[in-house]
Amino acid sequence: MEQNQLLELRSQIKDKKPDFVRQDIYRRKRLPWKYKKPKGIHSKMRHHFKGRMKLPSPGYKSPAKARGLHSSGLKITIVFSVREIGKIKRENEGIIIAGAVGTRKRLEILKKAKELGITVLNINIDEQLKKIEDFVSSKKNAEKTKDKPEGQKSKDEKKELTDEQKKEAEKKEKDKLLTKKVQ
């Protein structure tokens, strides 16, 4: 079978596949809605009684040639560094950048992938590059415009003090003078 037909067949099988959940999950409020194999000796679900929830079985598998492929038909390779991009065959593989990769490394990986013409399956390359470069430039601008340390104020800020703040400052100065030790 051709790859596109296999992918279609896989999607049809997945549409028919039921949600596999724990036995009697609808009766229990606190249990998570995930699958656990029924273990009881009298379990109707374990015995595959008619009308009970289905159990996972090999019949629900996708075709072997379509297993592990992206919906676009490319083989998925998860990438953590720039070096791993060199190992990728361009024709039938696409990359997914791992979530744990930081912004700087992600930028390098995206540039390299664009240069080599490799498909990135979980990100739109152009949008992400623009977004990251904007972030980096805004961060650089913020570092350049950092003012003096917080303790020092410019002349304009001193002029903008309100009357109450001025009175408090004068009061503190008087207190300092009065509380000085006399020798």
N, C-alpha and C. Protein backbone atom coordinates (compact mmCIF):
# COMPACT_ATOMS: atom_id res chain seq x y z
N MET A 1 0.83 -1.20 0.00
CA MET A 1 0.00 0.00 0.00
C MET A 1 0.87 1.25 0.00
N GLU A 2 0.35 2.28 -0.61
CA GLU A 2 1.05 3.55 -0.65
C GLU A 2 0.96 4.24 0.72
N GLN A 3 1.91 5.11 1.00
CA GLN A 3 1.98 5.74 2.32
C GLN A 3 0.73 6.56 2.64
N ASN A 4 0.20 7.29 1.66
CA ASN A 4 -0.99 8.09 1.90
C ASN A 4 -2.18 7.21 2.26
N GLN A 5 -2.29 6.05 1.59
CA GLN A 5 -3.38 5.13 1.89
C GLN A 5 -3.23 4.57 3.31
N LEU A 6 -1.99 4.28 3.69
CA LEU A 6 -1.73 3.78 5.03
C LEU A 6 -2.12 4.81 6.10
N LEU A 7 -1.80 6.08 5.82
CA LEU A 7 -2.15 7.15 6.76
C LEU A 7 -3.66 7.31 6.87
N GLU A 8 -4.35 7.19 5.75
CA GLU A 8 -5.83 7.26 5.77
C GLU A 8 -6.40 6.10 6.56
N LEU A 9 -5.85 4.91 6.33
CA LEU A 9 -6.31 3.72 7.04
C LEU A 9 -6.08 3.89 8.55
N ARG A 10 -4.93 4.45 8.91
CA ARG A 10 -4.62 4.68 10.32
C ARG A 10 -5.64 5.63 10.94
N SER A 11 -5.99 6.70 10.23
CA SER A 11 -6.96 7.65 10.78
C SER A 11 -8.34 7.01 10.91
N GLN A 12 -8.72 6.15 9.97
CA GLN A 12 -10.00 5.45 10.07
C GLN A 12 -10.03 4.52 11.29
N ILE A 13 -8.93 3.80 11.51
CA ILE A 13 -8.84 2.90 12.66
C ILE A 13 -8.92 3.69 13.96
N LYS A 14 -8.23 4.84 13.99
CA LYS A 14 -8.24 5.66 15.19
C LYS A 14 -9.62 6.23 15.47
N ASP A 15 -10.38 6.54 14.40
CA ASP A 15 -11.74 7.05 14.59
C ASP A 15 -12.63 6.00 15.25
N LYS A 16 -12.45 4.75 14.90
CA LYS A 16 -13.27 3.67 15.45
C LYS A 16 -12.82 3.23 16.83
N LYS A 17 -11.58 3.56 17.19
CA LYS A 17 -11.02 3.11 18.47
C LYS A 17 -11.75 3.77 19.64
N PRO A 18 -12.21 2.97 20.60
CA PRO A 18 -12.89 3.57 21.76
C PRO A 18 -11.89 4.19 22.72
N ASP A 19 -12.41 4.98 23.67
CA ASP A 19 -11.55 5.51 24.72
C ASP A 19 -11.39 4.42 25.77
N PHE A 20 -10.17 4.00 26.01
CA PHE A 20 -9.92 2.96 27.00
C PHE A 20 -9.80 3.61 28.37
N VAL A 21 -10.73 3.28 29.26
CA VAL A 21 -10.72 3.85 30.61
C VAL A 21 -10.85 2.75 31.65
N ARG A 22 -10.61 3.10 32.87
CA ARG A 22 -10.65 2.19 34.00
C ARG A 22 -12.07 1.65 34.21
N GLN A 23 -12.16 0.47 34.75
CA GLN A 23 -13.44 -0.18 35.01
C GLN A 23 -14.27 0.64 36.01
N ASP A 24 -15.54 0.84 35.72
CA ASP A 24 -16.50 1.56 36.58
C ASP A 24 -16.07 3.00 36.88
N ILE A 25 -15.39 3.62 35.95
CA ILE A 25 -14.89 4.98 36.18
C ILE A 25 -16.03 5.98 36.36
N TYR A 26 -17.15 5.72 35.70
CA TYR A 26 -18.29 6.63 35.77
C TYR A 26 -18.95 6.58 37.15
N ARG A 27 -18.64 5.59 37.97
CA ARG A 27 -19.20 5.49 39.32
C ARG A 27 -18.33 6.18 40.36
N ARG A 28 -17.07 6.38 40.05
CA ARG A 28 -16.13 6.93 41.02
C ARG A 28 -15.77 8.36 40.62
N LYS A 29 -15.94 9.25 41.58
CA LYS A 29 -15.72 10.66 41.29
C LYS A 29 -14.23 11.02 41.26
N ARG A 30 -13.46 10.46 42.18
CA ARG A 30 -12.09 10.92 42.39
C ARG A 30 -11.06 10.22 41.49
N LEU A 31 -11.42 9.13 40.87
CA LEU A 31 -10.45 8.40 40.06
C LEU A 31 -10.15 9.14 38.76
N PRO A 32 -8.89 9.12 38.32
CA PRO A 32 -8.56 9.77 37.05
C PRO A 32 -9.08 8.94 35.87
N TRP A 33 -9.44 9.60 34.78
CA TRP A 33 -9.99 8.94 33.60
C TRP A 33 -8.85 8.43 32.73
N LYS A 34 -8.13 7.44 33.26
CA LYS A 34 -7.09 6.80 32.46
C LYS A 34 -7.24 5.29 32.59
N TYR A 35 -6.59 4.58 31.72
CA TYR A 35 -6.79 3.14 31.68
C TYR A 35 -5.97 2.41 32.72
N LYS A 36 -6.59 1.42 33.34
CA LYS A 36 -5.90 0.44 34.18
C LYS A 36 -6.55 -0.90 33.90
N LYS A 37 -5.74 -1.91 33.77
CA LYS A 37 -6.25 -3.24 33.45
C LYS A 37 -7.14 -3.76 34.57
N PRO A 38 -8.33 -4.30 34.24
CA PRO A 38 -9.18 -4.87 35.29
C PRO A 38 -8.59 -6.17 35.82
N LYS A 39 -8.50 -6.31 37.14
CA LYS A 39 -7.82 -7.46 37.74
C LYS A 39 -8.76 -8.41 38.47
N GLY A 40 -9.98 -8.00 38.74
CA GLY A 40 -10.88 -8.81 39.57
C GLY A 40 -11.25 -10.14 38.93
N ILE A 41 -11.45 -11.18 39.77
CA ILE A 41 -11.77 -12.50 39.21
C ILE A 41 -13.18 -12.56 38.65
N HIS A 42 -14.08 -11.71 39.14
CA HIS A 42 -15.46 -11.70 38.64
C HIS A 42 -15.70 -10.53 37.69
N SER A 43 -14.66 -9.86 37.28
CA SER A 43 -14.79 -8.65 36.47
C SER A 43 -15.44 -8.93 35.11
N LYS A 44 -16.55 -8.25 34.86
CA LYS A 44 -17.26 -8.42 33.59
C LYS A 44 -16.44 -7.83 32.44
N MET A 45 -15.73 -6.78 32.73
CA MET A 45 -14.92 -6.13 31.71
C MET A 45 -13.75 -7.03 31.30
N ARG A 46 -13.12 -7.67 32.29
CA ARG A 46 -11.99 -8.57 32.01
C ARG A 46 -12.43 -9.78 31.20
N HIS A 47 -13.67 -10.23 31.43
CA HIS A 47 -14.20 -11.39 30.72
C HIS A 47 -14.78 -11.03 29.35
N HIS A 48 -14.69 -9.74 28.96
CA HIS A 48 -15.19 -9.24 27.67
C HIS A 48 -16.69 -9.49 27.50
N PHE A 49 -17.47 -9.25 28.54
CA PHE A 49 -18.92 -9.42 28.43
C PHE A 49 -19.48 -8.36 27.49
N LYS A 50 -20.54 -8.73 26.79
CA LYS A 50 -21.19 -7.83 25.85
C LYS A 50 -21.71 -6.59 26.58
N GLY A 51 -21.53 -5.43 25.96
CA GLY A 51 -22.04 -4.19 26.54
C GLY A 51 -21.08 -3.52 27.51
N ARG A 52 -19.97 -4.15 27.82
CA ARG A 52 -18.97 -3.55 28.72
C ARG A 52 -17.94 -2.78 27.91
N MET A 53 -17.15 -1.98 28.60
CA MET A 53 -16.12 -1.19 27.92
C MET A 53 -15.07 -2.12 27.31
N LYS A 54 -14.50 -1.67 26.22
CA LYS A 54 -13.50 -2.47 25.51
C LYS A 54 -12.14 -2.37 26.19
N LEU A 55 -11.34 -3.41 25.98
CA LEU A 55 -9.97 -3.44 26.47
C LEU A 55 -9.02 -3.23 25.30
N PRO A 56 -7.86 -2.65 25.56
CA PRO A 56 -6.88 -2.50 24.48
C PRO A 56 -6.45 -3.88 23.97
N SER A 57 -6.35 -4.00 22.66
CA SER A 57 -5.91 -5.26 22.07
C SER A 57 -5.20 -4.96 20.76
N PRO A 58 -4.43 -5.92 20.24
CA PRO A 58 -3.65 -5.68 19.02
C PRO A 58 -4.49 -5.28 17.81
N GLY A 59 -5.76 -5.59 17.82
CA GLY A 59 -6.61 -5.25 16.68
C GLY A 59 -6.78 -3.76 16.47
N TYR A 60 -6.50 -2.96 17.49
CA TYR A 60 -6.64 -1.51 17.38
C TYR A 60 -5.36 -0.83 16.88
N LYS A 61 -4.30 -1.60 16.65
CA LYS A 61 -3.04 -1.02 16.19
C LYS A 61 -3.18 -0.43 14.80
N SER A 62 -2.35 0.55 14.50
CA SER A 62 -2.30 1.10 13.15
C SER A 62 -1.39 0.22 12.31
N PRO A 63 -1.45 0.32 10.99
CA PRO A 63 -0.57 -0.49 10.15
C PRO A 63 0.90 -0.25 10.50
N ALA A 64 1.69 -1.31 10.44
CA ALA A 64 3.09 -1.24 10.89
C ALA A 64 3.88 -0.19 10.13
N LYS A 65 3.63 -0.03 8.84
CA LYS A 65 4.39 0.94 8.04
C LYS A 65 3.99 2.38 8.35
N ALA A 66 2.78 2.57 8.88
CA ALA A 66 2.31 3.92 9.19
C ALA A 66 2.55 4.28 10.65
N ARG A 67 2.99 3.33 11.45
CA ARG A 67 3.18 3.56 12.88
C ARG A 67 4.37 4.49 13.11
N GLY A 68 4.18 5.49 13.94
CA GLY A 68 5.27 6.41 14.28
C GLY A 68 5.46 7.53 13.28
N LEU A 69 4.59 7.62 12.27
CA LEU A 69 4.70 8.69 11.29
C LEU A 69 3.84 9.88 11.71
N HIS A 70 4.26 11.06 11.30
CA HIS A 70 3.47 12.27 11.50
C HIS A 70 2.31 12.25 10.52
N SER A 71 1.28 13.02 10.76
CA SER A 71 0.13 13.04 9.87
C SER A 71 0.49 13.52 8.47
N SER A 72 1.61 14.21 8.34
CA SER A 72 2.07 14.65 7.01
C SER A 72 2.79 13.53 6.28
N GLY A 73 3.06 12.41 6.96
CA GLY A 73 3.73 11.28 6.34
C GLY A 73 5.23 11.24 6.58
N LEU A 74 5.75 12.20 7.33
CA LEU A 74 7.19 12.24 7.62
C LEU A 74 7.50 11.48 8.90
N LYS A 75 8.68 10.90 8.96
CA LYS A 75 9.13 10.22 10.17
C LYS A 75 9.54 11.28 11.18
N ILE A 76 9.13 11.11 12.43
CA ILE A 76 9.38 12.11 13.46
C ILE A 76 10.73 11.86 14.14
N THR A 77 11.53 12.93 14.25
CA THR A 77 12.79 12.88 14.99
C THR A 77 12.80 14.05 15.96
N ILE A 78 12.97 13.74 17.25
CA ILE A 78 13.02 14.80 18.26
C ILE A 78 14.46 15.30 18.36
N VAL A 79 14.61 16.63 18.34
CA VAL A 79 15.93 17.26 18.30
C VAL A 79 16.15 18.08 19.57
N PHE A 80 17.32 17.90 20.17
CA PHE A 80 17.70 18.65 21.36
C PHE A 80 18.84 19.62 21.11
N SER A 81 19.63 19.41 20.02
CA SER A 81 20.77 20.28 19.76
C SER A 81 20.98 20.45 18.25
N VAL A 82 21.83 21.37 17.89
CA VAL A 82 22.12 21.66 16.49
C VAL A 82 22.84 20.49 15.83
N ARG A 83 23.66 19.79 16.59
CA ARG A 83 24.42 18.65 16.04
C ARG A 83 23.49 17.55 15.52
N GLU A 84 22.36 17.36 16.17
CA GLU A 84 21.45 16.28 15.79
C GLU A 84 20.77 16.55 14.44
N ILE A 85 20.75 17.78 13.99
CA ILE A 85 20.12 18.11 12.70
C ILE A 85 20.91 17.53 11.55
N GLY A 86 22.22 17.43 11.69
CA GLY A 86 23.07 16.89 10.63
C GLY A 86 22.80 15.44 10.30
N LYS A 87 22.23 14.69 11.23
CA LYS A 87 21.96 13.27 11.03
C LYS A 87 20.66 13.02 10.28
N ILE A 88 19.91 14.05 9.98
CA ILE A 88 18.57 13.89 9.41
C ILE A 88 18.61 13.77 7.90
N LYS A 89 17.85 12.80 7.40
CA LYS A 89 17.70 12.64 5.95
C LYS A 89 16.52 13.52 5.54
N ARG A 90 16.75 14.41 4.61
CA ARG A 90 15.78 15.45 4.28
C ARG A 90 14.49 14.93 3.64
N GLU A 91 14.56 13.85 2.88
CA GLU A 91 13.41 13.42 2.08
C GLU A 91 12.23 12.97 2.93
N ASN A 92 12.48 12.11 3.91
CA ASN A 92 11.34 11.49 4.59
C ASN A 92 11.34 11.72 6.10
N GLU A 93 12.11 12.68 6.59
CA GLU A 93 12.15 12.94 8.03
C GLU A 93 11.84 14.40 8.32
N GLY A 94 11.13 14.60 9.41
CA GLY A 94 10.86 15.94 9.92
C GLY A 94 11.30 16.00 11.36
N ILE A 95 11.60 17.19 11.85
CA ILE A 95 12.06 17.30 13.23
C ILE A 95 11.01 17.94 14.12
N ILE A 96 11.07 17.59 15.38
CA ILE A 96 10.29 18.24 16.41
C ILE A 96 11.30 18.74 17.43
N ILE A 97 11.26 20.03 17.72
CA ILE A 97 12.19 20.59 18.70
C ILE A 97 11.63 20.30 20.08
N ALA A 98 12.44 19.71 20.93
CA ALA A 98 12.01 19.31 22.27
C ALA A 98 11.59 20.52 23.08
N GLY A 99 10.65 20.33 23.98
CA GLY A 99 10.14 21.41 24.80
C GLY A 99 11.16 21.94 25.79
N ALA A 100 12.13 21.11 26.16
CA ALA A 100 13.12 21.50 27.16
C ALA A 100 14.22 22.39 26.57
N VAL A 101 14.23 22.58 25.26
CA VAL A 101 15.25 23.39 24.61
C VAL A 101 14.98 24.87 24.88
N GLY A 102 16.01 25.59 25.26
CA GLY A 102 15.87 27.01 25.58
C GLY A 102 15.78 27.87 24.33
N THR A 103 15.52 29.16 24.53
CA THR A 103 15.29 30.08 23.43
C THR A 103 16.51 30.24 22.53
N ARG A 104 17.69 30.38 23.12
CA ARG A 104 18.90 30.61 22.32
C ARG A 104 19.20 29.41 21.42
N LYS A 105 19.13 28.21 22.00
CA LYS A 105 19.39 27.00 21.23
C LYS A 105 18.31 26.78 20.18
N ARG A 106 17.06 27.08 20.55
CA ARG A 106 15.94 26.93 19.63
C ARG A 106 16.15 27.82 18.40
N LEU A 107 16.65 29.02 18.62
CA LEU A 107 16.92 29.94 17.52
C LEU A 107 17.98 29.36 16.58
N GLU A 108 19.05 28.80 17.15
CA GLU A 108 20.10 28.19 16.34
C GLU A 108 19.57 27.00 15.54
N ILE A 109 18.76 26.16 16.19
CA ILE A 109 18.21 24.98 15.53
C ILE A 109 17.31 25.40 14.37
N LEU A 110 16.47 26.40 14.60
CA LEU A 110 15.56 26.86 13.55
C LEU A 110 16.32 27.43 12.35
N LYS A 111 17.37 28.20 12.62
CA LYS A 111 18.16 28.77 11.53
C LYS A 111 18.83 27.67 10.71
N LYS A 112 19.39 26.68 11.39
CA LYS A 112 20.05 25.57 10.72
C LYS A 112 19.04 24.75 9.89
N ALA A 113 17.86 24.51 10.45
CA ALA A 113 16.83 23.74 9.74
C ALA A 113 16.36 24.48 8.50
N LYS A 114 16.22 25.79 8.60
CA LYS A 114 15.80 26.59 7.45
C LYS A 114 16.88 26.57 6.38
N GLU A 115 18.12 26.64 6.81
CA GLU A 115 19.26 26.63 5.88
C GLU A 115 19.32 25.30 5.12
N LEU A 116 19.10 24.18 5.83
CA LEU A 116 19.17 22.86 5.21
C LEU A 116 17.86 22.43 4.55
N GLY A 117 16.79 23.19 4.74
CA GLY A 117 15.51 22.85 4.14
C GLY A 117 14.81 21.69 4.82
N ILE A 118 15.00 21.55 6.12
CA ILE A 118 14.36 20.48 6.89
C ILE A 118 13.04 20.98 7.45
N THR A 119 12.03 20.12 7.41
CA THR A 119 10.70 20.48 7.91
C THR A 119 10.66 20.38 9.43
N VAL A 120 10.16 21.44 10.07
CA VAL A 120 9.95 21.42 11.52
C VAL A 120 8.46 21.20 11.72
N LEU A 121 8.12 20.11 12.39
CA LEU A 121 6.72 19.68 12.46
C LEU A 121 5.91 20.38 13.54
N ASN A 122 6.53 20.84 14.60
CA ASN A 122 5.75 21.43 15.69
C ASN A 122 5.79 22.95 15.74
N ILE A 123 6.50 23.59 14.80
CA ILE A 123 6.63 25.05 14.82
C ILE A 123 6.62 25.58 13.40
N ASN A 124 6.03 26.77 13.21
CA ASN A 124 6.16 27.48 11.96
C ASN A 124 7.46 28.27 12.04
N ILE A 125 8.42 27.92 11.20
CA ILE A 125 9.79 28.45 11.32
C ILE A 125 9.83 29.97 11.25
N ASP A 126 9.21 30.56 10.23
CA ASP A 126 9.31 32.01 10.03
C ASP A 126 8.72 32.78 11.20
N GLU A 127 7.53 32.38 11.64
CA GLU A 127 6.88 33.08 12.76
C GLU A 127 7.72 32.98 14.03
N GLN A 128 8.22 31.78 14.29
CA GLN A 128 8.99 31.55 15.51
C GLN A 128 10.30 32.33 15.49
N LEU A 129 10.98 32.37 14.33
CA LEU A 129 12.23 33.14 14.22
C LEU A 129 11.98 34.61 14.52
N LYS A 130 10.92 35.15 13.94
CA LYS A 130 10.59 36.56 14.15
C LYS A 130 10.29 36.82 15.63
N LYS A 131 9.51 35.93 16.22
CA LYS A 131 9.12 36.07 17.62
C LYS A 131 10.34 36.05 18.54
N ILE A 132 11.25 35.11 18.31
CA ILE A 132 12.44 34.99 19.15
C ILE A 132 13.36 36.19 18.97
N GLU A 133 13.55 36.64 17.72
CA GLU A 133 14.43 37.79 17.48
C GLU A 133 13.86 39.06 18.09
N ASP A 134 12.54 39.23 18.05
CA ASP A 134 11.92 40.38 18.71
C ASP A 134 12.15 40.34 20.21
N PHE A 135 12.01 39.15 20.78
CA PHE A 135 12.22 38.97 22.22
C PHE A 135 13.65 39.31 22.60
N VAL A 136 14.61 38.81 21.83
CA VAL A 136 16.03 39.05 22.12
C VAL A 136 16.36 40.54 22.00
N SER A 137 15.85 41.18 20.94
CA SER A 137 16.14 42.61 20.76
C SER A 137 15.51 43.46 21.86
N SER A 138 14.29 43.10 22.29
CA SER A 138 13.65 43.86 23.37
C SER A 138 14.41 43.68 24.68
N LYS A 139 14.96 42.49 24.87
CA LYS A 139 15.74 42.23 26.09
C LYS A 139 17.04 43.05 26.07
N LYS A 140 17.68 43.14 24.89
CA LYS A 140 18.91 43.94 24.77
C LYS A 140 18.62 45.42 25.03
N ASN A 141 17.51 45.91 24.49
CA ASN A 141 17.13 47.31 24.69
C ASN A 141 16.87 47.59 26.17
N ALA A 142 16.26 46.65 26.85
CA ALA A 142 15.97 46.82 28.28
C ALA A 142 17.26 46.91 29.08
N GLU A 143 18.27 46.13 28.70
CA GLU A 143 19.55 46.16 29.41
C GLU A 143 20.26 47.50 29.17
N LYS A 144 20.15 48.03 27.96
CA LYS A 144 20.83 49.29 27.64
C LYS A 144 20.19 50.45 28.38
N THR A 145 18.88 50.43 28.54
CA THR A 145 18.18 51.55 29.14
C THR A 145 18.09 51.46 30.66
N LYS A 146 18.79 50.50 31.25
CA LYS A 146 18.76 50.39 32.71
C LYS A 146 19.35 51.68 33.29
N ASP A 147 18.65 52.20 34.28
CA ASP A 147 19.10 53.44 34.93
C ASP A 147 20.15 53.14 35.99
N LYS A 148 20.49 54.17 36.73
CA LYS A 148 21.42 54.04 37.84
C LYS A 148 20.82 53.13 38.89
N PRO A 149 21.61 52.71 39.86
CA PRO A 149 21.07 51.87 40.93
C PRO A 149 19.87 52.53 41.59
N GLU A 150 19.02 51.73 42.21
CA GLU A 150 17.75 52.22 42.74
C GLU A 150 17.90 53.32 43.78
N GLY A 151 18.98 53.30 44.55
CA GLY A 151 19.18 54.29 45.61
C GLY A 151 19.35 55.71 45.06
N GLN A 152 19.95 55.83 43.88
CA GLN A 152 20.20 57.14 43.30
C GLN A 152 19.00 57.57 42.45
N LYS A 153 18.61 58.83 42.58
CA LYS A 153 17.50 59.35 41.78
C LYS A 153 18.02 60.51 40.94
N SER A 154 17.42 60.64 39.79
CA SER A 154 17.82 61.75 38.92
C SER A 154 17.20 63.05 39.44
N LYS A 155 17.63 64.20 38.91
CA LYS A 155 17.14 65.50 39.35
C LYS A 155 15.65 65.65 39.07
N ASP A 156 15.19 65.13 37.94
CA ASP A 156 13.77 65.22 37.59
C ASP A 156 12.91 64.48 38.61
N GLU A 157 13.36 63.30 39.04
CA GLU A 157 12.59 62.52 40.01
C GLU A 157 12.53 63.23 41.35
N LYS A 158 13.62 63.91 41.73
CA LYS A 158 13.63 64.64 42.99
C LYS A 158 12.65 65.81 42.97
N LYS A 159 12.53 66.46 41.82
CA LYS A 159 11.60 67.60 41.69
C LYS A 159 10.16 67.14 41.80
N GLU A 160 9.90 65.91 41.40
CA GLU A 160 8.52 65.42 41.36
C GLU A 160 8.01 64.95 42.72
N LEU A 161 8.80 65.10 43.77
CA LEU A 161 8.35 64.69 45.09
C LEU A 161 7.16 65.55 45.54
N THR A 162 6.21 64.94 46.17
CA THR A 162 5.03 65.68 46.64
C THR A 162 5.37 66.39 47.94
N ASP A 163 4.46 67.24 48.38
CA ASP A 163 4.68 68.00 49.61
C ASP A 163 4.82 67.07 50.81
N GLU A 164 3.99 66.02 50.86
CA GLU A 164 4.06 65.09 51.99
C GLU A 164 5.41 64.39 52.04
N GLN A 165 5.91 63.99 50.87
CA GLN A 165 7.21 63.32 50.82
C GLN A 165 8.32 64.28 51.25
N LYS A 166 8.21 65.53 50.87
CA LYS A 166 9.21 66.54 51.28
C LYS A 166 9.22 66.71 52.79
N LYS A 167 7.99 66.80 53.38
CA LYS A 167 7.90 66.97 54.83
C LYS A 167 8.48 65.77 55.57
N GLU A 168 8.22 64.55 55.06
CA GLU A 168 8.76 63.35 55.68
C GLU A 168 10.29 63.34 55.61
N ALA A 169 10.83 63.74 54.47
CA ALA A 169 12.29 63.77 54.31
C ALA A 169 12.92 64.77 55.28
N GLU A 170 12.29 65.96 55.45
CA GLU A 170 12.80 66.97 56.38
C GLU A 170 12.74 66.45 57.82
N LYS A 171 11.64 65.77 58.14
CA LYS A 171 11.47 65.23 59.48
C LYS A 171 12.55 64.20 59.79
N LYS A 172 12.87 63.35 58.83
CA LYS A 172 13.92 62.33 59.02
C LYS A 172 15.27 62.99 59.25
N GLU A 173 15.56 64.06 58.49
CA GLU A 173 16.83 64.76 58.67
C GLU A 173 16.94 65.38 60.06
N LYS A 174 15.83 65.98 60.54
CA LYS A 174 15.82 66.57 61.89
C LYS A 174 16.03 65.50 62.94
N ASP A 175 15.37 64.35 62.76
CA ASP A 175 15.53 63.25 63.71
C ASP A 175 16.97 62.78 63.77
N LYS A 176 17.62 62.72 62.61
CA LYS A 176 19.03 62.31 62.57
C LYS A 176 19.89 63.29 63.38
N LEU A 177 19.63 64.59 63.18
CA LEU A 177 20.42 65.60 63.89
C LEU A 177 20.18 65.54 65.40
N LEU A 178 18.91 65.32 65.80
CA LEU A 178 18.58 65.28 67.23
C LEU A 178 19.10 64.03 67.91
N THR A 179 19.18 62.94 67.16
CA THR A 179 19.60 61.69 67.79
C THR A 179 21.11 61.45 67.72
N LYS A 180 21.83 62.38 67.15
CA LYS A 180 23.29 62.26 67.11
C LYS A 180 23.85 62.30 68.52
N LYS A 181 24.88 61.48 68.75
CA LYS A 181 25.52 61.46 70.06
C LYS A 181 26.43 62.70 70.20
N VAL A 182 26.31 63.31 71.35
CA VAL A 182 27.15 64.48 71.63
C VAL A 182 28.34 64.01 72.46
N GLN A 183 29.51 64.43 72.11
CA GLN A 183 30.70 64.02 72.87
C GLN A 183 31.36 65.18 73.53
